[in-house]
Amino acid sequence: LQWKEWKMPPSSCSKRKNVQLHPVPVHRLGRGTSGLLLCAKTKLAKV
């Protein structure tokens, strides 16, 4: 997630405060588990 370039929301947009540099996982799946993993692009979305 840190290496890839993402379409991140502009930090200047008033609705999009607290934009992160890259998406971050909001939960975990075990290394041996495959499946859907959700990652947040903003601090508000992460919370």
ModelCIF file with pLDDT and N, C-alpha, C, O atoms, coordinates in Angstrom:
data_MODEL
#
_entry.id   MODEL 
#
_entity.id                         1 
_entity.type                       polymer 
_entity.pdbx_number_of_molecules   1 
#
_entity_poly.entity_id                      1 
_entity_poly.type                           'polypeptide(L)' 
_entity_poly.nstd_linkage                   no 
_entity_poly.nstd_monomer                   no 
_entity_poly.pdbx_seq_one_letter_code       LQWKEWKMPPSSCSKRKNVQLHPVPVHRLGRGTSGLLLCAKTKLAKV 
_entity_poly.pdbx_seq_one_letter_code_can   LQWKEWKMPPSSCSKRKNVQLHPVPVHRLGRGTSGLLLCAKTKLAKV 
_entity_poly.pdbx_strand_id                 A 
#
loop_
_entity_poly_seq.entity_id 
_entity_poly_seq.num 
_entity_poly_seq.mon_id 
_entity_poly_seq.hetero 
1 1  LEU n 
1 2  GLN n 
1 3  TRP n 
1 4  LYS n 
1 5  GLU n 
1 6  TRP n 
1 7  LYS n 
1 8  MET n 
1 9  PRO n 
1 10 PRO n 
1 11 SER n 
1 12 SER n 
1 13 CYS n 
1 14 SER n 
1 15 LYS n 
1 16 ARG n 
1 17 LYS n 
1 18 ASN n 
1 19 VAL n 
1 20 GLN n 
1 21 LEU n 
1 22 HIS n 
1 23 PRO n 
1 24 VAL n 
1 25 PRO n 
1 26 VAL n 
1 27 HIS n 
1 28 ARG n 
1 29 LEU n 
1 30 GLY n 
1 31 ARG n 
1 32 GLY n 
1 33 THR n 
1 34 SER n 
1 35 GLY n 
1 36 LEU n 
1 37 LEU n 
1 38 LEU n 
1 39 CYS n 
1 40 ALA n 
1 41 LYS n 
1 42 THR n 
1 43 LYS n 
1 44 LEU n 
1 45 ALA n 
1 46 LYS n 
1 47 VAL n 
#
_struct_asym.id          A 
_struct_asym.entity_id   1 
#
loop_
_ma_qa_metric.id 
_ma_qa_metric.mode 
_ma_qa_metric.name 
_ma_qa_metric.software_group_id 
_ma_qa_metric.type 
1 global pLDDT . pLDDT 
2 local  pLDDT . pLDDT 
#
_ma_qa_metric_global.metric_id      1 
_ma_qa_metric_global.metric_value   81.32 
_ma_qa_metric_global.model_id       1 
_ma_qa_metric_global.ordinal_id     1 
#
loop_
_ma_qa_metric_local.label_asym_id 
_ma_qa_metric_local.label_comp_id 
_ma_qa_metric_local.label_seq_id 
_ma_qa_metric_local.metric_id 
_ma_qa_metric_local.metric_value 
_ma_qa_metric_local.model_id 
_ma_qa_metric_local.ordinal_id 
A LEU 1  2 91.00 1 1  
A GLN 2  2 89.00 1 2  
A TRP 3  2 86.00 1 3  
A LYS 4  2 84.00 1 4  
A GLU 5  2 80.00 1 5  
A TRP 6  2 77.00 1 6  
A LYS 7  2 74.00 1 7  
A MET 8  2 72.00 1 8  
A PRO 9  2 67.00 1 9  
A PRO 10 2 64.00 1 10 
A SER 11 2 56.00 1 11 
A SER 12 2 48.00 1 12 
A CYS 13 2 50.00 1 13 
A SER 14 2 43.00 1 14 
A LYS 15 2 51.00 1 15 
A ARG 16 2 48.00 1 16 
A LYS 17 2 56.00 1 17 
A ASN 18 2 68.00 1 18 
A VAL 19 2 69.00 1 19 
A GLN 20 2 79.00 1 20 
A LEU 21 2 83.00 1 21 
A HIS 22 2 89.00 1 22 
A PRO 23 2 93.00 1 23 
A VAL 24 2 94.00 1 24 
A PRO 25 2 95.00 1 25 
A VAL 26 2 93.00 1 26 
A HIS 27 2 91.00 1 27 
A ARG 28 2 87.00 1 28 
A LEU 29 2 91.00 1 29 
A GLY 30 2 90.00 1 30 
A ARG 31 2 90.00 1 31 
A GLY 32 2 88.00 1 32 
A THR 33 2 90.00 1 33 
A SER 34 2 92.00 1 34 
A GLY 35 2 92.00 1 35 
A LEU 36 2 94.00 1 36 
A LEU 37 2 95.00 1 37 
A LEU 38 2 95.00 1 38 
A CYS 39 2 95.00 1 39 
A ALA 40 2 94.00 1 40 
A LYS 41 2 92.00 1 41 
A THR 42 2 91.00 1 42 
A LYS 43 2 91.00 1 43 
A LEU 44 2 91.00 1 44 
A ALA 45 2 91.00 1 45 
A LYS 46 2 92.00 1 46 
A VAL 47 2 91.00 1 47 
#
loop_
_atom_site.group_PDB 
_atom_site.id 
_atom_site.type_symbol 
_atom_site.label_atom_id 
_atom_site.label_alt_id 
_atom_site.label_comp_id 
_atom_site.label_asym_id 
_atom_site.label_entity_id 
_atom_site.label_seq_id 
_atom_site.pdbx_PDB_ins_code 
_atom_site.Cartn_x 
_atom_site.Cartn_y 
_atom_site.Cartn_z 
_atom_site.occupancy 
_atom_site.B_iso_or_equiv 
_atom_site.pdbx_formal_charge 
_atom_site.auth_seq_id 
_atom_site.auth_comp_id 
_atom_site.auth_asym_id 
_atom_site.auth_atom_id 
_atom_site.pdbx_PDB_model_num 
ATOM 1   N N  . LEU A 1 1  ? 0.834   -1.205  0.000  1.00 91.00 ? 1  LEU A N  1 
ATOM 2   C CA . LEU A 1 1  ? 0.000   0.000   0.000  1.00 91.00 ? 1  LEU A CA 1 
ATOM 3   C C  . LEU A 1 1  ? 0.873   1.260   0.000  1.00 91.00 ? 1  LEU A C  1 
ATOM 4   O O  . LEU A 1 1  ? 0.515   2.271   -0.605 1.00 91.00 ? 1  LEU A O  1 
ATOM 5   N N  . GLN A 1 2  ? 2.013   1.189   0.680  1.00 89.00 ? 2  GLN A N  1 
ATOM 6   C CA . GLN A 1 2  ? 2.926   2.330   0.736  1.00 89.00 ? 2  GLN A CA 1 
ATOM 7   C C  . GLN A 1 2  ? 3.637   2.554   -0.596 1.00 89.00 ? 2  GLN A C  1 
ATOM 8   O O  . GLN A 1 2  ? 3.934   3.696   -0.946 1.00 89.00 ? 2  GLN A O  1 
ATOM 9   N N  . TRP A 1 3  ? 3.913   1.499   -1.337 1.00 86.00 ? 3  TRP A N  1 
ATOM 10  C CA . TRP A 1 3  ? 4.673   1.612   -2.586 1.00 86.00 ? 3  TRP A CA 1 
ATOM 11  C C  . TRP A 1 3  ? 3.814   2.053   -3.764 1.00 86.00 ? 3  TRP A C  1 
ATOM 12  O O  . TRP A 1 3  ? 4.296   2.767   -4.644 1.00 86.00 ? 3  TRP A O  1 
ATOM 13  N N  . LYS A 1 4  ? 2.560   1.642   -3.793 1.00 84.00 ? 4  LYS A N  1 
ATOM 14  C CA . LYS A 1 4  ? 1.688   1.927   -4.938 1.00 84.00 ? 4  LYS A CA 1 
ATOM 15  C C  . LYS A 1 4  ? 1.212   3.376   -4.911 1.00 84.00 ? 4  LYS A C  1 
ATOM 16  O O  . LYS A 1 4  ? 1.024   3.953   -3.840 1.00 84.00 ? 4  LYS A O  1 
ATOM 17  N N  . GLU A 1 5  ? 1.022   3.951   -6.077 1.00 80.00 ? 5  GLU A N  1 
ATOM 18  C CA . GLU A 1 5  ? 0.437   5.290   -6.162 1.00 80.00 ? 5  GLU A CA 1 
ATOM 19  C C  . GLU A 1 5  ? -1.076  5.150   -6.215 1.00 80.00 ? 5  GLU A C  1 
ATOM 20  O O  . GLU A 1 5  ? -1.623  4.452   -7.069 1.00 80.00 ? 5  GLU A O  1 
ATOM 21  N N  . TRP A 1 6  ? -1.735  5.820   -5.295 1.00 77.00 ? 6  TRP A N  1 
ATOM 22  C CA . TRP A 1 6  ? -3.188  5.748   -5.183 1.00 77.00 ? 6  TRP A CA 1 
ATOM 23  C C  . TRP A 1 6  ? -3.810  7.078   -5.563 1.00 77.00 ? 6  TRP A C  1 
ATOM 24  O O  . TRP A 1 6  ? -3.173  8.128   -5.476 1.00 77.00 ? 6  TRP A O  1 
ATOM 25  N N  . LYS A 1 7  ? -5.050  7.018   -5.981 1.00 74.00 ? 7  LYS A N  1 
ATOM 26  C CA . LYS A 1 7  ? -5.822  8.238   -6.216 1.00 74.00 ? 7  LYS A CA 1 
ATOM 27  C C  . LYS A 1 7  ? -6.362  8.672   -4.854 1.00 74.00 ? 7  LYS A C  1 
ATOM 28  O O  . LYS A 1 7  ? -7.448  8.267   -4.439 1.00 74.00 ? 7  LYS A O  1 
ATOM 29  N N  . MET A 1 8  ? -5.584  9.498   -4.176 1.00 72.00 ? 8  MET A N  1 
ATOM 30  C CA . MET A 1 8  ? -5.979  9.942   -2.841 1.00 72.00 ? 8  MET A CA 1 
ATOM 31  C C  . MET A 1 8  ? -6.787  11.222  -2.958 1.00 72.00 ? 8  MET A C  1 
ATOM 32  O O  . MET A 1 8  ? -6.538  12.033  -3.850 1.00 72.00 ? 8  MET A O  1 
ATOM 33  N N  . PRO A 1 9  ? -7.763  11.417  -2.058 1.00 67.00 ? 9  PRO A N  1 
ATOM 34  C CA . PRO A 1 9  ? -8.543  12.656  -2.102 1.00 67.00 ? 9  PRO A CA 1 
ATOM 35  C C  . PRO A 1 9  ? -7.640  13.848  -1.810 1.00 67.00 ? 9  PRO A C  1 
ATOM 36  O O  . PRO A 1 9  ? -6.699  13.731  -1.024 1.00 67.00 ? 9  PRO A O  1 
ATOM 37  N N  . PRO A 1 10 ? -7.914  14.996  -2.433 1.00 64.00 ? 10 PRO A N  1 
ATOM 38  C CA . PRO A 1 10 ? -7.081  16.181  -2.181 1.00 64.00 ? 10 PRO A CA 1 
ATOM 39  C C  . PRO A 1 10 ? -7.190  16.646  -0.737 1.00 64.00 ? 10 PRO A C  1 
ATOM 40  O O  . PRO A 1 10 ? -8.286  16.719  -0.181 1.00 64.00 ? 10 PRO A O  1 
ATOM 41  N N  . SER A 1 11 ? -6.043  16.963  -0.129 1.00 56.00 ? 11 SER A N  1 
ATOM 42  C CA . SER A 1 11 ? -6.046  17.379  1.274  1.00 56.00 ? 11 SER A CA 1 
ATOM 43  C C  . SER A 1 11 ? -6.620  18.786  1.440  1.00 56.00 ? 11 SER A C  1 
ATOM 44  O O  . SER A 1 11 ? -6.997  19.175  2.545  1.00 56.00 ? 11 SER A O  1 
ATOM 45  N N  . SER A 1 12 ? -6.687  19.544  0.357  1.00 48.00 ? 12 SER A N  1 
ATOM 46  C CA . SER A 1 12 ? -7.222  20.917  0.447  1.00 48.00 ? 12 SER A CA 1 
ATOM 47  C C  . SER A 1 12 ? -8.740  20.935  0.489  1.00 48.00 ? 12 SER A C  1 
ATOM 48  O O  . SER A 1 12 ? -9.334  21.953  0.846  1.00 48.00 ? 12 SER A O  1 
ATOM 49  N N  . CYS A 1 13 ? -9.373  19.840  0.135  1.00 50.00 ? 13 CYS A N  1 
ATOM 50  C CA . CYS A 1 13 ? -10.830 19.775  0.127  1.00 50.00 ? 13 CYS A CA 1 
ATOM 51  C C  . CYS A 1 13 ? -11.345 19.762  1.564  1.00 50.00 ? 13 CYS A C  1 
ATOM 52  O O  . CYS A 1 13 ? -10.918 18.932  2.366  1.00 50.00 ? 13 CYS A O  1 
ATOM 53  N N  . SER A 1 14 ? -12.254 20.670  1.894  1.00 43.00 ? 14 SER A N  1 
ATOM 54  C CA . SER A 1 14 ? -12.709 20.812  3.283  1.00 43.00 ? 14 SER A CA 1 
ATOM 55  C C  . SER A 1 14 ? -13.420 19.552  3.790  1.00 43.00 ? 14 SER A C  1 
ATOM 56  O O  . SER A 1 14 ? -13.366 19.258  4.984  1.00 43.00 ? 14 SER A O  1 
ATOM 57  N N  . LYS A 1 15 ? -14.084 18.807  2.901  1.00 51.00 ? 15 LYS A N  1 
ATOM 58  C CA . LYS A 1 15 ? -14.768 17.585  3.326  1.00 51.00 ? 15 LYS A CA 1 
ATOM 59  C C  . LYS A 1 15 ? -13.784 16.452  3.597  1.00 51.00 ? 15 LYS A C  1 
ATOM 60  O O  . LYS A 1 15 ? -14.133 15.486  4.276  1.00 51.00 ? 15 LYS A O  1 
ATOM 61  N N  . ARG A 1 16 ? -12.581 16.551  3.085  1.00 48.00 ? 16 ARG A N  1 
ATOM 62  C CA . ARG A 1 16 ? -11.611 15.462  3.155  1.00 48.00 ? 16 ARG A CA 1 
ATOM 63  C C  . ARG A 1 16 ? -10.445 15.789  4.078  1.00 48.00 ? 16 ARG A C  1 
ATOM 64  O O  . ARG A 1 16 ? -9.289  15.630  3.686  1.00 48.00 ? 16 ARG A O  1 
ATOM 65  N N  . LYS A 1 17 ? -10.719 16.230  5.261  1.00 56.00 ? 17 LYS A N  1 
ATOM 66  C CA . LYS A 1 17 ? -9.653  16.518  6.223  1.00 56.00 ? 17 LYS A CA 1 
ATOM 67  C C  . LYS A 1 17 ? -8.986  15.217  6.646  1.00 56.00 ? 17 LYS A C  1 
ATOM 68  O O  . LYS A 1 17 ? -9.573  14.139  6.545  1.00 56.00 ? 17 LYS A O  1 
ATOM 69  N N  . ASN A 1 18 ? -7.762  15.334  7.117  1.00 68.00 ? 18 ASN A N  1 
ATOM 70  C CA . ASN A 1 18 ? -7.013  14.195  7.646  1.00 68.00 ? 18 ASN A CA 1 
ATOM 71  C C  . ASN A 1 18 ? -6.722  13.117  6.608  1.00 68.00 ? 18 ASN A C  1 
ATOM 72  O O  . ASN A 1 18 ? -6.818  11.925  6.902  1.00 68.00 ? 18 ASN A O  1 
ATOM 73  N N  . VAL A 1 19 ? -6.370  13.531  5.406  1.00 69.00 ? 19 VAL A N  1 
ATOM 74  C CA . VAL A 1 19 ? -6.010  12.575  4.370  1.00 69.00 ? 19 VAL A CA 1 
ATOM 75  C C  . VAL A 1 19 ? -4.668  11.940  4.729  1.00 69.00 ? 19 VAL A C  1 
ATOM 76  O O  . VAL A 1 19 ? -3.749  12.628  5.174  1.00 69.00 ? 19 VAL A O  1 
ATOM 77  N N  . GLN A 1 20 ? -4.560  10.625  4.534  1.00 79.00 ? 20 GLN A N  1 
ATOM 78  C CA . GLN A 1 20 ? -3.322  9.903   4.814  1.00 79.00 ? 20 GLN A CA 1 
ATOM 79  C C  . GLN A 1 20 ? -2.470  9.855   3.553  1.00 79.00 ? 20 GLN A C  1 
ATOM 80  O O  . GLN A 1 20 ? -2.954  10.163  2.464  1.00 79.00 ? 20 GLN A O  1 
ATOM 81  N N  . LEU A 1 21 ? -1.208  9.470   3.695  1.00 83.00 ? 21 LEU A N  1 
ATOM 82  C CA . LEU A 1 21 ? -0.315  9.376   2.543  1.00 83.00 ? 21 LEU A CA 1 
ATOM 83  C C  . LEU A 1 21 ? -0.645  8.175   1.664  1.00 83.00 ? 21 LEU A C  1 
ATOM 84  O O  . LEU A 1 21 ? -0.395  8.207   0.459  1.00 83.00 ? 21 LEU A O  1 
ATOM 85  N N  . HIS A 1 22 ? -1.195  7.133   2.240  1.00 89.00 ? 22 HIS A N  1 
ATOM 86  C CA . HIS A 1 22 ? -1.557  5.913   1.520  1.00 89.00 ? 22 HIS A CA 1 
ATOM 87  C C  . HIS A 1 22 ? -2.664  5.222   2.311  1.00 89.00 ? 22 HIS A C  1 
ATOM 88  O O  . HIS A 1 22 ? -2.827  5.495   3.500  1.00 89.00 ? 22 HIS A O  1 
ATOM 89  N N  . PRO A 1 23 ? -3.422  4.339   1.680  1.00 93.00 ? 23 PRO A N  1 
ATOM 90  C CA . PRO A 1 23 ? -4.444  3.591   2.423  1.00 93.00 ? 23 PRO A CA 1 
ATOM 91  C C  . PRO A 1 23 ? -3.810  2.709   3.500  1.00 93.00 ? 23 PRO A C  1 
ATOM 92  O O  . PRO A 1 23 ? -2.676  2.252   3.354  1.00 93.00 ? 23 PRO A O  1 
ATOM 93  N N  . VAL A 1 24 ? -4.553  2.479   4.576  1.00 94.00 ? 24 VAL A N  1 
ATOM 94  C CA . VAL A 1 24 ? -4.096  1.599   5.649  1.00 94.00 ? 24 VAL A CA 1 
ATOM 95  C C  . VAL A 1 24 ? -5.192  0.580   5.972  1.00 94.00 ? 24 VAL A C  1 
ATOM 96  O O  . VAL A 1 24 ? -6.375  0.917   5.942  1.00 94.00 ? 24 VAL A O  1 
ATOM 97  N N  . PRO A 1 25 ? -4.805  -0.663  6.281  1.00 95.00 ? 25 PRO A N  1 
ATOM 98  C CA . PRO A 1 25 ? -5.805  -1.680  6.626  1.00 95.00 ? 25 PRO A CA 1 
ATOM 99  C C  . PRO A 1 25 ? -6.555  -1.290  7.896  1.00 95.00 ? 25 PRO A C  1 
ATOM 100 O O  . PRO A 1 25 ? -5.970  -0.746  8.832  1.00 95.00 ? 25 PRO A O  1 
ATOM 101 N N  . VAL A 1 26 ? -7.866  -1.576  7.916  1.00 93.00 ? 26 VAL A N  1 
ATOM 102 C CA . VAL A 1 26 ? -8.661  -1.278  9.114  1.00 93.00 ? 26 VAL A CA 1 
ATOM 103 C C  . VAL A 1 26 ? -8.980  -2.546  9.907  1.00 93.00 ? 26 VAL A C  1 
ATOM 104 O O  . VAL A 1 26 ? -9.575  -2.476  10.982 1.00 93.00 ? 26 VAL A O  1 
ATOM 105 N N  . HIS A 1 27 ? -8.589  -3.681  9.384  1.00 91.00 ? 27 HIS A N  1 
ATOM 106 C CA . HIS A 1 27 ? -8.734  -4.955  10.099 1.00 91.00 ? 27 HIS A CA 1 
ATOM 107 C C  . HIS A 1 27 ? -7.659  -5.885  9.556  1.00 91.00 ? 27 HIS A C  1 
ATOM 108 O O  . HIS A 1 27 ? -6.916  -5.521  8.645  1.00 91.00 ? 27 HIS A O  1 
ATOM 109 N N  . ARG A 1 28 ? -7.581  -7.075  10.112 1.00 87.00 ? 28 ARG A N  1 
ATOM 110 C CA . ARG A 1 28 ? -6.558  -8.028  9.655  1.00 87.00 ? 28 ARG A CA 1 
ATOM 111 C C  . ARG A 1 28 ? -7.208  -9.323  9.212  1.00 87.00 ? 28 ARG A C  1 
ATOM 112 O O  . ARG A 1 28 ? -8.289  -9.704  9.661  1.00 87.00 ? 28 ARG A O  1 
ATOM 113 N N  . LEU A 1 29 ? -6.505  -9.972  8.322  1.00 91.00 ? 29 LEU A N  1 
ATOM 114 C CA . LEU A 1 29 ? -6.806  -11.354 7.977  1.00 91.00 ? 29 LEU A CA 1 
ATOM 115 C C  . LEU A 1 29 ? -5.507  -12.109 8.184  1.00 91.00 ? 29 LEU A C  1 
ATOM 116 O O  . LEU A 1 29 ? -4.443  -11.606 7.824  1.00 91.00 ? 29 LEU A O  1 
ATOM 117 N N  . GLY A 1 30 ? -5.564  -13.274 8.739  1.00 90.00 ? 30 GLY A N  1 
ATOM 118 C CA . GLY A 1 30 ? -4.359  -14.060 8.979  1.00 90.00 ? 30 GLY A CA 1 
ATOM 119 C C  . GLY A 1 30 ? -3.582  -14.304 7.695  1.00 90.00 ? 30 GLY A C  1 
ATOM 120 O O  . GLY A 1 30 ? -4.150  -14.289 6.603  1.00 90.00 ? 30 GLY A O  1 
ATOM 121 N N  . ARG A 1 31 ? -2.294  -14.525 7.831  1.00 90.00 ? 31 ARG A N  1 
ATOM 122 C CA . ARG A 1 31 ? -1.437  -14.726 6.657  1.00 90.00 ? 31 ARG A CA 1 
ATOM 123 C C  . ARG A 1 31 ? -1.957  -15.859 5.782  1.00 90.00 ? 31 ARG A C  1 
ATOM 124 O O  . ARG A 1 31 ? -1.880  -15.762 4.558  1.00 90.00 ? 31 ARG A O  1 
ATOM 125 N N  . GLY A 1 32 ? -2.480  -16.915 6.364  1.00 88.00 ? 32 GLY A N  1 
ATOM 126 C CA . GLY A 1 32 ? -2.986  -18.045 5.591  1.00 88.00 ? 32 GLY A CA 1 
ATOM 127 C C  . GLY A 1 32 ? -4.399  -17.870 5.081  1.00 88.00 ? 32 GLY A C  1 
ATOM 128 O O  . GLY A 1 32 ? -4.922  -18.749 4.396  1.00 88.00 ? 32 GLY A O  1 
ATOM 129 N N  . THR A 1 33 ? -5.026  -16.751 5.401  1.00 90.00 ? 33 THR A N  1 
ATOM 130 C CA . THR A 1 33 ? -6.408  -16.502 5.010  1.00 90.00 ? 33 THR A CA 1 
ATOM 131 C C  . THR A 1 33 ? -6.460  -15.601 3.783  1.00 90.00 ? 33 THR A C  1 
ATOM 132 O O  . THR A 1 33 ? -5.749  -14.599 3.708  1.00 90.00 ? 33 THR A O  1 
ATOM 133 N N  . SER A 1 34 ? -7.294  -15.958 2.835  1.00 92.00 ? 34 SER A N  1 
ATOM 134 C CA . SER A 1 34 ? -7.536  -15.083 1.684  1.00 92.00 ? 34 SER A CA 1 
ATOM 135 C C  . SER A 1 34 ? -8.897  -14.439 1.874  1.00 92.00 ? 34 SER A C  1 
ATOM 136 O O  . SER A 1 34 ? -9.756  -14.971 2.577  1.00 92.00 ? 34 SER A O  1 
ATOM 137 N N  . GLY A 1 35 ? -9.087  -13.282 1.239  1.00 92.00 ? 35 GLY A N  1 
ATOM 138 C CA . GLY A 1 35 ? -10.400 -12.659 1.335  1.00 92.00 ? 35 GLY A CA 1 
ATOM 139 C C  . GLY A 1 35 ? -10.357 -11.163 1.178  1.00 92.00 ? 35 GLY A C  1 
ATOM 140 O O  . GLY A 1 35 ? -9.328  -10.583 0.831  1.00 92.00 ? 35 GLY A O  1 
ATOM 141 N N  . LEU A 1 36 ? -11.490 -10.551 1.438  1.00 94.00 ? 36 LEU A N  1 
ATOM 142 C CA . LEU A 1 36 ? -11.681 -9.119  1.289  1.00 94.00 ? 36 LEU A CA 1 
ATOM 143 C C  . LEU A 1 36 ? -11.023 -8.370  2.448  1.00 94.00 ? 36 LEU A C  1 
ATOM 144 O O  . LEU A 1 36 ? -11.294 -8.657  3.614  1.00 94.00 ? 36 LEU A O  1 
ATOM 145 N N  . LEU A 1 37 ? -10.164 -7.417  2.120  1.00 95.00 ? 37 LEU A N  1 
ATOM 146 C CA . LEU A 1 37 ? -9.486  -6.603  3.129  1.00 95.00 ? 37 LEU A CA 1 
ATOM 147 C C  . LEU A 1 37 ? -9.825  -5.144  2.871  1.00 95.00 ? 37 LEU A C  1 
ATOM 148 O O  . LEU A 1 37 ? -9.577  -4.636  1.777  1.00 95.00 ? 37 LEU A O  1 
ATOM 149 N N  . LEU A 1 38 ? -10.387 -4.466  3.862  1.00 95.00 ? 38 LEU A N  1 
ATOM 150 C CA . LEU A 1 38 ? -10.746 -3.056  3.719  1.00 95.00 ? 38 LEU A CA 1 
ATOM 151 C C  . LEU A 1 38 ? -9.617  -2.167  4.210  1.00 95.00 ? 38 LEU A C  1 
ATOM 152 O O  . LEU A 1 38 ? -9.042  -2.405  5.272  1.00 95.00 ? 38 LEU A O  1 
ATOM 153 N N  . CYS A 1 39 ? -9.302  -1.132  3.422  1.00 95.00 ? 39 CYS A N  1 
ATOM 154 C CA . CYS A 1 39 ? -8.253  -0.176  3.755  1.00 95.00 ? 39 CYS A CA 1 
ATOM 155 C C  . CYS A 1 39 ? -8.820  1.230   3.638  1.00 95.00 ? 39 CYS A C  1 
ATOM 156 O O  . CYS A 1 39 ? -9.546  1.540   2.694  1.00 95.00 ? 39 CYS A O  1 
ATOM 157 N N  . ALA A 1 40 ? -8.484  2.076   4.604  1.00 94.00 ? 40 ALA A N  1 
ATOM 158 C CA . ALA A 1 40 ? -9.001  3.447   4.638  1.00 94.00 ? 40 ALA A CA 1 
ATOM 159 C C  . ALA A 1 40 ? -8.010  4.416   4.020  1.00 94.00 ? 40 ALA A C  1 
ATOM 160 O O  . ALA A 1 40 ? -6.798  4.277   4.184  1.00 94.00 ? 40 ALA A O  1 
ATOM 161 N N  . LYS A 1 41 ? -8.550  5.409   3.298  1.00 92.00 ? 41 LYS A N  1 
ATOM 162 C CA . LYS A 1 41 ? -7.715  6.442   2.690  1.00 92.00 ? 41 LYS A CA 1 
ATOM 163 C C  . LYS A 1 41 ? -7.656  7.697   3.561  1.00 92.00 ? 41 LYS A C  1 
ATOM 164 O O  . LYS A 1 41 ? -6.751  8.517   3.406  1.00 92.00 ? 41 LYS A O  1 
ATOM 165 N N  . THR A 1 42 ? -8.603  7.848   4.462  1.00 91.00 ? 42 THR A N  1 
ATOM 166 C CA . THR A 1 42 ? -8.619  9.018   5.344  1.00 91.00 ? 42 THR A CA 1 
ATOM 167 C C  . THR A 1 42 ? -8.671  8.544   6.797  1.00 91.00 ? 42 THR A C  1 
ATOM 168 O O  . THR A 1 42 ? -9.082  7.419   7.082  1.00 91.00 ? 42 THR A O  1 
ATOM 169 N N  . LYS A 1 43 ? -8.252  9.408   7.696  1.00 91.00 ? 43 LYS A N  1 
ATOM 170 C CA . LYS A 1 43 ? -8.286  9.056   9.122  1.00 91.00 ? 43 LYS A CA 1 
ATOM 171 C C  . LYS A 1 43 ? -9.722  8.880   9.593  1.00 91.00 ? 43 LYS A C  1 
ATOM 172 O O  . LYS A 1 43 ? -10.005 8.010   10.416 1.00 91.00 ? 43 LYS A O  1 
ATOM 173 N N  . LEU A 1 44 ? -10.633 9.702   9.075  1.00 91.00 ? 44 LEU A N  1 
ATOM 174 C CA . LEU A 1 44 ? -12.042 9.590   9.446  1.00 91.00 ? 44 LEU A CA 1 
ATOM 175 C C  . LEU A 1 44 ? -12.610 8.242   8.990  1.00 91.00 ? 44 LEU A C  1 
ATOM 176 O O  . LEU A 1 44 ? -13.332 7.588   9.742  1.00 91.00 ? 44 LEU A O  1 
ATOM 177 N N  . ALA A 1 45 ? -12.290 7.832   7.776  1.00 91.00 ? 45 ALA A N  1 
ATOM 178 C CA . ALA A 1 45 ? -12.755 6.535   7.274  1.00 91.00 ? 45 ALA A CA 1 
ATOM 179 C C  . ALA A 1 45 ? -12.165 5.401   8.101  1.00 91.00 ? 45 ALA A C  1 
ATOM 180 O O  . ALA A 1 45 ? -12.849 4.415   8.376  1.00 91.00 ? 45 ALA A O  1 
ATOM 181 N N  . LYS A 1 46 ? -10.907 5.531   8.498  1.00 92.00 ? 46 LYS A N  1 
ATOM 182 C CA . LYS A 1 46 ? -10.264 4.491   9.312  1.00 92.00 ? 46 LYS A CA 1 
ATOM 183 C C  . LYS A 1 46 ? -10.989 4.319   10.642 1.00 92.00 ? 46 LYS A C  1 
ATOM 184 O O  . LYS A 1 46 ? -11.266 3.196   11.063 1.00 92.00 ? 46 LYS A O  1 
ATOM 185 N N  . VAL A 1 47 ? -11.295 5.425   11.297 1.00 91.00 ? 47 VAL A N  1 
ATOM 186 C CA . VAL A 1 47 ? -11.996 5.378   12.585 1.00 91.00 ? 47 VAL A CA 1 
ATOM 187 C C  . VAL A 1 47 ? -13.391 4.775   12.414 1.00 91.00 ? 47 VAL A C  1 
ATOM 188 O O  . VAL A 1 47 ? -14.134 4.653   13.388 1.00 91.00 ? 47 VAL A O  1 
#
